[in-house]
Amino acid sequence: MMIKRLSSALLLAALLLVSLAALVTAQEPVPPAKGPEPLPTEPAAPPAAPNIAPNLLSKIEPQLLKRLLSGDSAAPFIVHMQAQADISAAAASAPLSALGAPDPVETRRAIVEALQQTAQASQAGVLNQLTATGGGLSGQSAPASDVRPLWIVNAVAARGSLDTVLALAARPDVKIVRLDKTVRLNPAAQSSPPLRAAAHRPNLQTPEWGISKIRADEVWNALGFDGTGVVVANIDSGVDWNHPDLQSNYRGYTGPGKLPLHSGNWFDATGEGATYPVDGNGHGTHTMGTIAGQNGTGVAPGARWIAARAFNSSGSGQDSWLHAALQWMLAPNGNPALAPDIINNSWSNNNSFSTEFEADIQTLQAAGIYPVFAAGNNGPSIGSVGSPGSLSSVFAVGATNSSDVIASFSGRGPSPWGQIKPQVSAPGVDVRSTLPGGAYGTFSGTSMATPHVAGAAALLLQASPALTGDGISNALMSTAVPLGSPIPNNNYGWGRIDTYSAVLSVAGAGTLAGTITDSVTGLPVGGATAQITPALGGAGVTATTNSSGMYTRGLAAGAYNVIASAFGYSPGSTKLVSVTTGTTTVQNFSLSPLPVGYLAGTVTDAGSGAPLTATISIEDTPVTATTVAGNYALALPVGIYTATVTAAEHRITQAVNINITAGITTTRNFALQSAPSILLVDSGTWYDGSQSAFFEQALRDARYTHDTRHITNPHRYPHRCAHHVRIVAVRYCYLVRAKRFTGVRWRKQRPERVSGRRRQVAAQRAGCGLLR
């Protein structure tokens, strides 16, 4: 029996050794140390092709060759020609206007003619070879398919075999043959399902948060610019032109009951042949809504729009489709006079080094068209900006949230050539806009930020039609709200755009200014407002006084009615105040104080009776008071009020229907129940948009005070408290998790004990050091 057991043990040991040996053999060996990776502009060599001459290999993009050598009988490619038009000479040769200045349409026409003539003269041999049987190197290949000339970059797109590609590379008039790559639309997130128009249509009186954040509504109401006279375009997945917030300012819309004119206003580069604006994806309708939508959806609701579709319903496009769309923008329906002023490009690829569209973009800029590009959604790592946004000549846009914090996904600089990227940032998190079928939806991405800038450019062009592309860029960068450090930087660029300040910097406007003072004391009234409305009707704007009682507001020339008001004072008003371009009109106000009474009392701990340091806030007023040794006193105009009392580590307490009588002191004492000290850790700020408001409201409803820690950069901390999503930390290392919130109320439960000092230290290292 002993021998049998020993034999079994030896057998088992032998099997284990064999298994271990097999396991070690199966593991991949540790790779040897490698030298520096080749730059994307100098890609690694493709699979071995011993029968291909070196002079041909140098003219075929490795990605294309790899695909054709990996078993594909044919692949899409773009043949770039050696000959290139001199667009600078073409622009210089264009006829001048009657005033002796360059004529934008004639300049564009001269550039288009030069590009087309160069392509026609140099592409003939390649086109013949692609369409002929036996046009390959072997003389036996079938004709290429999907052949499309592209005069904007003097190239030809097609689909063909390796034999065909080798024959093309052998031609001396061919510069390079590249793979016709796939590009995908990539919004960072869809934050909410589509909402139908009936119940969820935006309201012009309350514009979308991004519109207000960049102060576009102030441009409409104070300066009178809404983009009228400017033509905007997008290259995207299409646009639902029948959307109620987009139909009326589609350039092809001719009026109710009339046939629309789609030719010259719509182009489908995908090959699907849509003859009128459609969008099976939603991305393009969303971006166009932010550019020019009605009812508070768009930045420039007065602008007219056209569109080119270069992405199909699944959000996929090809380089050749994008070239074709950019080409169409130069001369819609063959007419340079129909070209847009601004093109929104909410797309990019992941290769920052790619220069595929550099020539297209430089041609558009030379033709007086202003293209703006998304920085891409590959952040937050350094150098994550996508192309074409990474290119030196391109104005790239990053994405911020409602708190002016850069989104984690937003592409960062520097560019591969060392330049600051993006140029500016704009709202791009939880942006609501139009969707196909008359719906609305909320998306996040630099795709959502870019149309805010395109719309802002339209407002600038209406305010100053002679602005060049550089002038638009400079106005946006020089007036941006500075964010991050230094300025500019590779997160925010020059900052988040401020459309009102940008337009004011280029527009011929006047200024209304003045002071608001107390009629009894003569002292300035800080925080007072001047409500300014056009005398002939329309939406108004407000100006708020500083601590010196001074207000100022840039306005379009005209007559205005002004009402000055401040809490605790009777309002004052004046009518028909005239504002003239280039001058400052002064209008001062002296306000009479209202009769006041007084509210006083004590704030103590309900258990011990000890005085507390607390804050007393009077709802719907700017009045607050802080206790001194548990006592407080404040003055209020005659009326009925609600007071809210907060103190650290105590429940929130309210008193309602407090009646204040002139000259009388009303007493209200408060005894507050003790409560845990709560820290709400909000990780959503950096990765999907903050949702902390729901939890904060739940805490307030349950009458708990709290501190909130917003995690904006988790990569700073060795222990990522951002991974512990929305944890509520309680005094003495207790935790109450967010799942214990039910609805908007908090069901009180015994908190979960944390494992002592270890968790406390980890929390502090993670940046959660607000534990008391």
Foldseek 3Di string as FASTA:
>chain_A
DVVVVVVVVVVVVVVVVVVVVVVVVPDDDDDDDDDDADAPVDHDAAPDDPVADPLLSVQEPRVLVNVQVVDDQKAKKKWFFPDDFDLVVQLVPFDPDPVRHRDLQSSLVSSLVRLVVRLVVQCVVVVCLQQDALSFPVRHFGHWAPWDAQSLRSMIITMHGPRNSSSSSPDPRTRHMYGFDKFFQCFQDFPDDWFFCPVDPAALVDAFLQLVVLPLVVCCFFANAQLAPAEEEEAFQWAQCPQPFRVVQAPQRDDPPDDGDQQLQEEELQPPDDSHTDGLAFLVNFLVQCQATPRNRYSRVNHHYGYYYQAHNRRMGTLVSVSVRLSCLSAGNNRNVSHGQEYEYETFDQRLPDCSCVSSQVSCQSSNHAYAYEQFQQDDDEQRGGPPQQDPVHAYEFAAASVQFGARRGGWDDGPVRHAPHQAYGHFAQRWGDGPPNIITTTGHSSNGRSNLRNLLSRLCVQPVVQHNVLSSCLFLVQADADDPDAPHGRGNSYYGNSQSSNLVRHQWFKEKEFEAAQPPRAGDFQKKKWKGAPVDDHTDIWGAHNRRMTMDTGHFHFIKIWIDDFQWDIDIDGGQTTDGPYYGYDYYHTYGAFKFKEKEFEAAQPPRFGFFKKKDWPPHPDIWTDDRGITMDMHHFDWIKIWIDGAQWFIDIDGRDGGDGHYYDYDYYHTYGHWEKEWEALCNHHRRTPCVLVVQQCVVQRHDYHYDYDRDQVVFPQACSVVHGWIATAPGWTDGPVQRDRSYGDDDDTDHDPPPVVQVSCVRSVNPPHD
